[in-house]
PDB file of all heavy atoms in Angstrom:
ATOM      1  N   PRO A   1       0.807  -1.233   0.000  1.00  0.00           N
ATOM      2  CA  PRO A   1       0.000   0.000   0.000  1.00  0.00           C
ATOM      3  C   PRO A   1       0.837   1.279   0.000  1.00  0.00           C
ATOM      4  O   PRO A   1       0.429   2.280  -0.605  1.00  0.00           O
ATOM      5  CB  PRO A   1      -0.852  -0.105   1.261  1.00  0.00           C
ATOM      6  CG  PRO A   1      -0.281  -1.210   2.073  1.00  0.00           C
ATOM      7  CD  PRO A   1       0.537  -2.065   1.160  1.00  0.00           C
ATOM      8  N   THR A   2       1.994   1.269   0.636  1.00  0.00           N
ATOM      9  CA  THR A   2       2.842   2.470   0.633  1.00  0.00           C
ATOM     10  C   THR A   2       3.362   2.744  -0.763  1.00  0.00           C
ATOM     11  O   THR A   2       3.392   3.895  -1.214  1.00  0.00           O
ATOM     12  CB  THR A   2       4.010   2.315   1.624  1.00  0.00           C
ATOM     13  OG1 THR A   2       3.481   2.085   2.930  1.00  0.00           O
ATOM     14  CG2 THR A   2       4.889   3.551   1.644  1.00  0.00           C
ATOM     15  N   ARG A   3       3.753   1.695  -1.477  1.00  0.00           N
ATOM     16  CA  ARG A   3       4.233   1.896  -2.850  1.00  0.00           C
ATOM     17  C   ARG A   3       3.116   2.405  -3.749  1.00  0.00           C
ATOM     18  O   ARG A   3       3.345   3.233  -4.634  1.00  0.00           O
ATOM     19  CB  ARG A   3       4.848   0.610  -3.389  1.00  0.00           C
ATOM     20  CG  ARG A   3       6.186   0.296  -2.726  1.00  0.00           C
ATOM     21  CD  ARG A   3       6.953  -0.772  -3.449  1.00  0.00           C
ATOM     22  NE  ARG A   3       6.521  -2.115  -3.141  1.00  0.00           N
ATOM     23  CZ  ARG A   3       6.997  -2.855  -2.149  1.00  0.00           C
ATOM     24  NH1 ARG A   3       7.918  -2.377  -1.347  1.00  0.00           N
ATOM     25  NH2 ARG A   3       6.554  -4.078  -1.961  1.00  0.00           N
ATOM     26  N   ARG A   4       1.895   1.937  -3.517  1.00  0.00           N
ATOM     27  CA  ARG A   4       0.762   2.450  -4.317  1.00  0.00           C
ATOM     28  C   ARG A   4       0.529   3.930  -4.014  1.00  0.00           C
ATOM     29  O   ARG A   4       0.205   4.710  -4.923  1.00  0.00           O
ATOM     30  CB  ARG A   4      -0.486   1.615  -4.065  1.00  0.00           C
ATOM     31  CG  ARG A   4      -0.374   0.200  -4.643  1.00  0.00           C
ATOM     32  CD  ARG A   4      -1.702  -0.533  -4.658  1.00  0.00           C
ATOM     33  NE  ARG A   4      -2.338  -0.652  -3.366  1.00  0.00           N
ATOM     34  CZ  ARG A   4      -2.179  -1.674  -2.511  1.00  0.00           C
ATOM     35  NH1 ARG A   4      -1.389  -2.687  -2.830  1.00  0.00           N
ATOM     36  NH2 ARG A   4      -2.826  -1.700  -1.365  1.00  0.00           N
ATOM     37  N   LEU A   5       0.715   4.343  -2.755  1.00  0.00           N
ATOM     38  CA  LEU A   5       0.583   5.770  -2.427  1.00  0.00           C
ATOM     39  C   LEU A   5       1.662   6.595  -3.126  1.00  0.00           C
ATOM     40  O   LEU A   5       1.393   7.695  -3.615  1.00  0.00           O
ATOM     41  CB  LEU A   5       0.664   5.989  -0.916  1.00  0.00           C
ATOM     42  CG  LEU A   5      -0.564   5.621  -0.101  1.00  0.00           C
ATOM     43  CD1 LEU A   5      -0.286   5.786   1.390  1.00  0.00           C
ATOM     44  CD2 LEU A   5      -1.764   6.466  -0.507  1.00  0.00           C
ATOM     45  N   ILE A   6       2.878   6.061  -3.183  1.00  0.00           N
ATOM     46  CA  ILE A   6       3.953   6.766  -3.882  1.00  0.00           C
ATOM     47  C   ILE A   6       3.592   6.938  -5.353  1.00  0.00           C
ATOM     48  O   ILE A   6       3.756   8.023  -5.923  1.00  0.00           O
ATOM     49  CB  ILE A   6       5.295   6.019  -3.714  1.00  0.00           C
ATOM     50  CG1 ILE A   6       5.764   6.095  -2.257  1.00  0.00           C
ATOM     51  CG2 ILE A   6       6.356   6.580  -4.661  1.00  0.00           C
ATOM     52  CD1 ILE A   6       6.955   5.204  -1.926  1.00  0.00           C
ATOM     53  N   LEU A   7       3.057   5.886  -5.970  1.00  0.00           N
ATOM     54  CA  LEU A   7       2.630   5.990  -7.370  1.00  0.00           C
ATOM     55  C   LEU A   7       1.514   7.022  -7.523  1.00  0.00           C
ATOM     56  O   LEU A   7       1.519   7.808  -8.477  1.00  0.00           O
ATOM     57  CB  LEU A   7       2.174   4.624  -7.892  1.00  0.00           C
ATOM     58  CG  LEU A   7       3.264   3.560  -8.017  1.00  0.00           C
ATOM     59  CD1 LEU A   7       2.648   2.225  -8.406  1.00  0.00           C
ATOM     60  CD2 LEU A   7       4.335   3.981  -9.012  1.00  0.00           C
ATOM     61  N   ASP A   8       0.565   7.030  -6.579  1.00  0.00           N
ATOM     62  CA  ASP A   8      -0.514   8.024  -6.617  1.00  0.00           C
ATOM     63  C   ASP A   8       0.056   9.442  -6.574  1.00  0.00           C
ATOM     64  O   ASP A   8      -0.413  10.329  -7.304  1.00  0.00           O
ATOM     65  CB  ASP A   8      -1.474   7.838  -5.432  1.00  0.00           C
ATOM     66  CG  ASP A   8      -2.325   6.590  -5.546  1.00  0.00           C
ATOM     67  OD1 ASP A   8      -2.461   6.040  -6.660  1.00  0.00           O
ATOM     68  OD2 ASP A   8      -2.861   6.150  -4.499  1.00  0.00           O
ATOM     69  N   GLU A   9       1.054   9.641  -5.739  1.00  0.00           N
ATOM     70  CA  GLU A   9       1.661  10.966  -5.639  1.00  0.00           C
ATOM     71  C   GLU A   9       2.406  11.339  -6.919  1.00  0.00           C
ATOM     72  O   GLU A   9       2.387  12.495  -7.327  1.00  0.00           O
ATOM     73  CB  GLU A   9       2.602  11.044  -4.431  1.00  0.00           C
ATOM     74  CG  GLU A   9       1.871  11.029  -3.099  1.00  0.00           C
ATOM     75  CD  GLU A   9       0.832  12.121  -2.984  1.00  0.00           C
ATOM     76  OE1 GLU A   9       1.097  13.271  -3.406  1.00  0.00           O
ATOM     77  OE2 GLU A   9      -0.269  11.827  -2.478  1.00  0.00           O
ATOM     78  N   LEU A  10       3.029  10.371  -7.564  1.00  0.00           N
ATOM     79  CA  LEU A  10       3.730  10.659  -8.819  1.00  0.00           C
ATOM     80  C   LEU A  10       2.750  10.903  -9.962  1.00  0.00           C
ATOM     81  O   LEU A  10       3.092  11.592 -10.927  1.00  0.00           O
ATOM     82  CB  LEU A  10       4.708   9.536  -9.159  1.00  0.00           C
ATOM     83  CG  LEU A  10       5.922   9.442  -8.237  1.00  0.00           C
ATOM     84  CD1 LEU A  10       6.764   8.220  -8.569  1.00  0.00           C
ATOM     85  CD2 LEU A  10       6.759  10.711  -8.304  1.00  0.00           C
ATOM     86  N   VAL A  11       1.538  10.352  -9.860  1.00  0.00           N
ATOM     87  CA  VAL A  11       0.508  10.662 -10.857  1.00  0.00           C
ATOM     88  C   VAL A  11       0.111  12.130 -10.717  1.00  0.00           C
ATOM     89  O   VAL A  11      -0.025  12.848 -11.704  1.00  0.00           O
ATOM     90  CB  VAL A  11      -0.731   9.748 -10.683  1.00  0.00           C
ATOM     91  CG1 VAL A  11      -1.923  10.284 -11.458  1.00  0.00           C
ATOM     92  CG2 VAL A  11      -0.420   8.339 -11.115  1.00  0.00           C
ATOM     93  N   GLU A  12      -0.062  12.575  -9.483  1.00  0.00           N
ATOM     94  CA  GLU A  12      -0.453  13.974  -9.240  1.00  0.00           C
ATOM     95  C   GLU A  12       0.630  14.950  -9.653  1.00  0.00           C
ATOM     96  O   GLU A  12       0.353  16.008 -10.191  1.00  0.00           O
ATOM     97  CB  GLU A  12      -0.781  14.178  -7.760  1.00  0.00           C
ATOM     98  CG  GLU A  12      -2.160  13.710  -7.389  1.00  0.00           C
ATOM     99  CD  GLU A  12      -2.572  14.185  -6.012  1.00  0.00           C
ATOM    100  OE1 GLU A  12      -2.137  15.280  -5.586  1.00  0.00           O
ATOM    101  OE2 GLU A  12      -3.324  13.451  -5.370  1.00  0.00           O
ATOM    102  N   LYS A  13       1.890  14.599  -9.367  1.00  0.00           N
ATOM    103  CA  LYS A  13       2.997  15.499  -9.699  1.00  0.00           C
ATOM    104  C   LYS A  13       4.225  14.659 -10.011  1.00  0.00           C
ATOM    105  O   LYS A  13       4.870  14.119  -9.118  1.00  0.00           O
ATOM    106  CB  LYS A  13       3.302  16.453  -8.538  1.00  0.00           C
ATOM    107  CG  LYS A  13       4.412  17.429  -8.836  1.00  0.00           C
ATOM    108  CD  LYS A  13       4.643  18.361  -7.659  1.00  0.00           C
ATOM    109  CE  LYS A  13       5.730  19.368  -7.991  1.00  0.00           C
ATOM    110  NZ  LYS A  13       7.057  18.886  -7.611  1.00  0.00           N
ATOM    111  N   SER A  14       4.534  14.522 -11.274  1.00  0.00           N
ATOM    112  CA  SER A  14       5.698  13.749 -11.697  1.00  0.00           C
ATOM    113  C   SER A  14       6.961  14.576 -11.484  1.00  0.00           C
ATOM    114  O   SER A  14       6.913  15.800 -11.354  1.00  0.00           O
ATOM    115  CB  SER A  14       5.552  13.368 -13.173  1.00  0.00           C
ATOM    116  OG  SER A  14       6.455  12.346 -13.495  1.00  0.00           O
ATOM    117  N   GLY A  15       8.092  13.897 -11.410  1.00  0.00           N
ATOM    118  CA  GLY A  15       9.364  14.599 -11.285  1.00  0.00           C
ATOM    119  C   GLY A  15       9.659  15.080  -9.882  1.00  0.00           C
ATOM    120  O   GLY A  15      10.284  16.123  -9.701  1.00  0.00           O
ATOM    121  N   GLN A  16       9.250  14.321  -8.877  1.00  0.00           N
ATOM    122  CA  GLN A  16       9.492  14.726  -7.492  1.00  0.00           C
ATOM    123  C   GLN A  16      10.818  14.180  -6.980  1.00  0.00           C
ATOM    124  O   GLN A  16      11.249  13.099  -7.364  1.00  0.00           O
ATOM    125  CB  GLN A  16       8.377  14.203  -6.584  1.00  0.00           C
ATOM    126  CG  GLN A  16       7.024  14.823  -6.848  1.00  0.00           C
ATOM    127  CD  GLN A  16       6.008  14.346  -5.839  1.00  0.00           C
ATOM    128  OE1 GLN A  16       6.182  14.519  -4.641  1.00  0.00           O
ATOM    129  NE2 GLN A  16       4.947  13.733  -6.333  1.00  0.00           N
ATOM    130  N   THR A  17      11.408  14.925  -6.063  1.00  0.00           N
ATOM    131  CA  THR A  17      12.604  14.456  -5.374  1.00  0.00           C
ATOM    132  C   THR A  17      12.178  13.578  -4.203  1.00  0.00           C
ATOM    133  O   THR A  17      10.996  13.550  -3.830  1.00  0.00           O
ATOM    134  CB  THR A  17      13.429  15.635  -4.830  1.00  0.00           C
ATOM    135  OG1 THR A  17      12.643  16.318  -3.853  1.00  0.00           O
ATOM    136  CG2 THR A  17      13.857  16.585  -5.937  1.00  0.00           C
ATOM    137  N   LEU A  18      13.139  12.887  -3.613  1.00  0.00           N
ATOM    138  CA  LEU A  18      12.863  12.069  -2.435  1.00  0.00           C
ATOM    139  C   LEU A  18      12.272  12.927  -1.327  1.00  0.00           C
ATOM    140  O   LEU A  18      11.311  12.524  -0.659  1.00  0.00           O
ATOM    141  CB  LEU A  18      14.147  11.378  -1.965  1.00  0.00           C
ATOM    142  CG  LEU A  18      14.057  10.534  -0.693  1.00  0.00           C
ATOM    143  CD1 LEU A  18      13.065   9.390  -0.861  1.00  0.00           C
ATOM    144  CD2 LEU A  18      15.434  10.005  -0.318  1.00  0.00           C
ATOM    145  N   PHE A  19      12.824  14.113  -1.122  1.00  0.00           N
ATOM    146  CA  PHE A  19      12.316  15.016  -0.090  1.00  0.00           C
ATOM    147  C   PHE A  19      10.847  15.362  -0.332  1.00  0.00           C
ATOM    148  O   PHE A  19      10.032  15.330   0.594  1.00  0.00           O
ATOM    149  CB  PHE A  19      13.156  16.305  -0.040  1.00  0.00           C
ATOM    150  CG  PHE A  19      12.643  17.309   0.940  1.00  0.00           C
ATOM    151  CD1 PHE A  19      12.905  17.166   2.291  1.00  0.00           C
ATOM    152  CD2 PHE A  19      11.883  18.391   0.513  1.00  0.00           C
ATOM    153  CE1 PHE A  19      12.412  18.086   3.206  1.00  0.00           C
ATOM    154  CE2 PHE A  19      11.389  19.312   1.422  1.00  0.00           C
ATOM    155  CZ  PHE A  19      11.656  19.165   2.773  1.00  0.00           C
ATOM    156  N   GLU A  20      10.500  15.678  -1.570  1.00  0.00           N
ATOM    157  CA  GLU A  20       9.109  16.018  -1.889  1.00  0.00           C
ATOM    158  C   GLU A  20       8.174  14.836  -1.642  1.00  0.00           C
ATOM    159  O   GLU A  20       7.088  15.004  -1.074  1.00  0.00           O
ATOM    160  CB  GLU A  20       8.982  16.455  -3.354  1.00  0.00           C
ATOM    161  CG  GLU A  20       9.600  17.801  -3.652  1.00  0.00           C
ATOM    162  CD  GLU A  20       9.551  18.108  -5.132  1.00  0.00           C
ATOM    163  OE1 GLU A  20      10.192  17.398  -5.919  1.00  0.00           O
ATOM    164  OE2 GLU A  20       8.843  19.082  -5.491  1.00  0.00           O
ATOM    165  N   ILE A  21       8.580  13.655  -2.056  1.00  0.00           N
ATOM    166  CA  ILE A  21       7.746  12.466  -1.861  1.00  0.00           C
ATOM    167  C   ILE A  21       7.544  12.213  -0.378  1.00  0.00           C
ATOM    168  O   ILE A  21       6.410  11.981   0.075  1.00  0.00           O
ATOM    169  CB  ILE A  21       8.367  11.241  -2.563  1.00  0.00           C
ATOM    170  CG1 ILE A  21       8.356  11.436  -4.082  1.00  0.00           C
ATOM    171  CG2 ILE A  21       7.611   9.965  -2.186  1.00  0.00           C
ATOM    172  CD1 ILE A  21       9.184  10.425  -4.849  1.00  0.00           C
ATOM    173  N   CYS A  22       8.622  12.284   0.400  1.00  0.00           N
ATOM    174  CA  CYS A  22       8.514  12.084   1.851  1.00  0.00           C
ATOM    175  C   CYS A  22       7.585  13.108   2.479  1.00  0.00           C
ATOM    176  O   CYS A  22       6.755  12.765   3.337  1.00  0.00           O
ATOM    177  CB  CYS A  22       9.892  12.170   2.506  1.00  0.00           C
ATOM    178  SG  CYS A  22      10.986  10.796   2.124  1.00  0.00           S
ATOM    179  N   SER A  23       7.708  14.354   2.067  1.00  0.00           N
ATOM    180  CA  SER A  23       6.863  15.422   2.613  1.00  0.00           C
ATOM    181  C   SER A  23       5.393  15.179   2.304  1.00  0.00           C
ATOM    182  O   SER A  23       4.533  15.325   3.175  1.00  0.00           O
ATOM    183  CB  SER A  23       7.284  16.780   2.045  1.00  0.00           C
ATOM    184  OG  SER A  23       8.588  17.089   2.452  1.00  0.00           O
ATOM    185  N   ARG A  24       5.104  14.811   1.078  1.00  0.00           N
ATOM    186  CA  ARG A  24       3.713  14.572   0.680  1.00  0.00           C
ATOM    187  C   ARG A  24       3.125  13.375   1.424  1.00  0.00           C
ATOM    188  O   ARG A  24       1.967  13.398   1.836  1.00  0.00           O
ATOM    189  CB  ARG A  24       3.613  14.393  -0.832  1.00  0.00           C
ATOM    190  CG  ARG A  24       3.884  15.693  -1.591  1.00  0.00           C
ATOM    191  CD  ARG A  24       3.949  15.450  -3.078  1.00  0.00           C
ATOM    192  NE  ARG A  24       2.661  15.151  -3.644  1.00  0.00           N
ATOM    193  CZ  ARG A  24       1.953  15.975  -4.409  1.00  0.00           C
ATOM    194  NH1 ARG A  24       2.420  17.177  -4.681  1.00  0.00           N
ATOM    195  NH2 ARG A  24       0.787  15.609  -4.903  1.00  0.00           N
ATOM    196  N   LEU A  25       3.919  12.303   1.582  1.00  0.00           N
ATOM    197  CA  LEU A  25       3.424  11.127   2.308  1.00  0.00           C
ATOM    198  C   LEU A  25       3.149  11.469   3.770  1.00  0.00           C
ATOM    199  O   LEU A  25       2.170  11.003   4.351  1.00  0.00           O
ATOM    200  CB  LEU A  25       4.426   9.972   2.220  1.00  0.00           C
ATOM    201  CG  LEU A  25       4.602   9.332   0.851  1.00  0.00           C
ATOM    202  CD1 LEU A  25       5.712   8.291   0.891  1.00  0.00           C
ATOM    203  CD2 LEU A  25       3.301   8.697   0.365  1.00  0.00           C
ATOM    204  N   SER A  26       4.000  12.294   4.341  1.00  0.00           N
ATOM    205  CA  SER A  26       3.843  12.684   5.742  1.00  0.00           C
ATOM    206  C   SER A  26       2.661  13.628   5.941  1.00  0.00           C
ATOM    207  O   SER A  26       1.813  13.396   6.813  1.00  0.00           O
ATOM    208  CB  SER A  26       5.133  13.352   6.231  1.00  0.00           C
ATOM    209  OG  SER A  26       4.967  13.858   7.524  1.00  0.00           O
ATOM    210  N   MET A  27       2.589  14.663   5.148  1.00  0.00           N
ATOM    211  CA  MET A  27       1.561  15.697   5.325  1.00  0.00           C
ATOM    212  C   MET A  27       0.186  15.231   4.847  1.00  0.00           C
ATOM    213  O   MET A  27      -0.807  15.424   5.532  1.00  0.00           O
ATOM    214  CB  MET A  27       1.964  16.967   4.565  1.00  0.00           C
ATOM    215  CG  MET A  27       3.328  17.477   4.909  1.00  0.00           C
ATOM    216  SD  MET A  27       3.394  18.734   6.154  1.00  0.00           S
ATOM    217  CE  MET A  27       2.430  20.025   5.518  1.00  0.00           C
ATOM    218  N   LYS A  28       0.143  14.631   3.689  1.00  0.00           N
ATOM    219  CA  LYS A  28      -1.132  14.286   3.063  1.00  0.00           C
ATOM    220  C   LYS A  28      -1.706  12.969   3.579  1.00  0.00           C
ATOM    221  O   LYS A  28      -2.918  12.833   3.731  1.00  0.00           O
ATOM    222  CB  LYS A  28      -0.918  14.211   1.550  1.00  0.00           C
ATOM    223  CG  LYS A  28      -2.161  14.178   0.731  1.00  0.00           C
ATOM    224  CD  LYS A  28      -1.776  14.303  -0.732  1.00  0.00           C
ATOM    225  CE  LYS A  28      -2.945  14.097  -1.633  1.00  0.00           C
ATOM    226  NZ  LYS A  28      -2.548  14.143  -3.032  1.00  0.00           N
ATOM    227  N   HIS A  29      -0.829  11.993   3.829  1.00  0.00           N
ATOM    228  CA  HIS A  29      -1.297  10.661   4.190  1.00  0.00           C
ATOM    229  C   HIS A  29      -0.968  10.278   5.638  1.00  0.00           C
ATOM    230  O   HIS A  29      -1.265   9.174   6.060  1.00  0.00           O
ATOM    231  CB  HIS A  29      -0.700   9.618   3.229  1.00  0.00           C
ATOM    232  CG  HIS A  29      -1.041   9.871   1.806  1.00  0.00           C
ATOM    233  ND1 HIS A  29      -2.282   9.594   1.270  1.00  0.00           N
ATOM    234  CD2 HIS A  29      -0.311  10.414   0.800  1.00  0.00           C
ATOM    235  CE1 HIS A  29      -2.298   9.938  -0.008  1.00  0.00           C
ATOM    236  NE2 HIS A  29      -1.120  10.437  -0.318  1.00  0.00           N
ATOM    237  N   ARG A  30      -0.309  11.195   6.345  1.00  0.00           N
ATOM    238  CA  ARG A  30       0.053  10.960   7.748  1.00  0.00           C
ATOM    239  C   ARG A  30       0.905   9.705   7.929  1.00  0.00           C
ATOM    240  O   ARG A  30       0.764   8.992   8.915  1.00  0.00           O
ATOM    241  CB  ARG A  30      -1.192  10.878   8.635  1.00  0.00           C
ATOM    242  CG  ARG A  30      -2.115  12.060   8.549  1.00  0.00           C
ATOM    243  CD  ARG A  30      -1.548  13.214   9.338  1.00  0.00           C
ATOM    244  NE  ARG A  30      -2.503  14.323   9.373  1.00  0.00           N
ATOM    245  CZ  ARG A  30      -2.184  15.550   9.046  1.00  0.00           C
ATOM    246  NH1 ARG A  30      -0.965  15.831   8.656  1.00  0.00           N
ATOM    247  NH2 ARG A  30      -3.065  16.501   9.107  1.00  0.00           N
ATOM    248  N   LEU A  31       1.773   9.439   6.970  1.00  0.00           N
ATOM    249  CA  LEU A  31       2.665   8.285   7.066  1.00  0.00           C
ATOM    250  C   LEU A  31       3.953   8.704   7.768  1.00  0.00           C
ATOM    251  O   LEU A  31       4.625   9.635   7.334  1.00  0.00           O
ATOM    252  CB  LEU A  31       3.015   7.736   5.682  1.00  0.00           C
ATOM    253  CG  LEU A  31       2.013   6.817   5.028  1.00  0.00           C
ATOM    254  CD1 LEU A  31       2.550   6.340   3.689  1.00  0.00           C
ATOM    255  CD2 LEU A  31       1.691   5.625   5.892  1.00  0.00           C
ATOM    256  N   GLY A  32       4.302   8.013   8.817  1.00  0.00           N
ATOM    257  CA  GLY A  32       5.548   8.275   9.520  1.00  0.00           C
ATOM    258  C   GLY A  32       6.611   7.313   9.038  1.00  0.00           C
ATOM    259  O   GLY A  32       6.960   6.373   9.749  1.00  0.00           O
ATOM    260  N   ILE A  33       7.104   7.529   7.844  1.00  0.00           N
ATOM    261  CA  ILE A  33       8.096   6.643   7.246  1.00  0.00           C
ATOM    262  C   ILE A  33       9.380   7.429   7.008  1.00  0.00           C
ATOM    263  O   ILE A  33       9.332   8.599   6.630  1.00  0.00           O
ATOM    264  CB  ILE A  33       7.551   6.007   5.944  1.00  0.00           C
ATOM    265  CG1 ILE A  33       8.504   4.968   5.396  1.00  0.00           C
ATOM    266  CG2 ILE A  33       7.210   7.043   4.917  1.00  0.00           C
ATOM    267  CD1 ILE A  33       7.918   4.134   4.264  1.00  0.00           C
ATOM    268  N   SER A  34      10.509   6.790   7.249  1.00  0.00           N
ATOM    269  CA  SER A  34      11.800   7.464   7.098  1.00  0.00           C
ATOM    270  C   SER A  34      12.136   7.677   5.616  1.00  0.00           C
ATOM    271  O   SER A  34      11.588   7.009   4.736  1.00  0.00           O
ATOM    272  CB  SER A  34      12.903   6.633   7.751  1.00  0.00           C
ATOM    273  OG  SER A  34      13.104   5.428   7.023  1.00  0.00           O
ATOM    274  N   ARG A  35      13.082   8.575   5.388  1.00  0.00           N
ATOM    275  CA  ARG A  35      13.560   8.796   4.024  1.00  0.00           C
ATOM    276  C   ARG A  35      14.168   7.516   3.468  1.00  0.00           C
ATOM    277  O   ARG A  35      13.992   7.198   2.301  1.00  0.00           O
ATOM    278  CB  ARG A  35      14.603   9.918   4.001  1.00  0.00           C
ATOM    279  CG  ARG A  35      14.014  11.296   4.208  1.00  0.00           C
ATOM    280  CD  ARG A  35      15.097  12.347   4.348  1.00  0.00           C
ATOM    281  NE  ARG A  35      16.062  12.338   3.277  1.00  0.00           N
ATOM    282  CZ  ARG A  35      16.105  13.214   2.278  1.00  0.00           C
ATOM    283  NH1 ARG A  35      15.227  14.179   2.225  1.00  0.00           N
ATOM    284  NH2 ARG A  35      17.022  13.139   1.351  1.00  0.00           N
TER     285      ARG A  35
END
């Protein structure tokens, strides 16, 4: 499910850095996952 969320985020905005992906997962999905 976490990988599917990452794909969902890349659908919304392609070309993200690791920092951006981590931020979106944390803020939008409340995932407490490390970089």
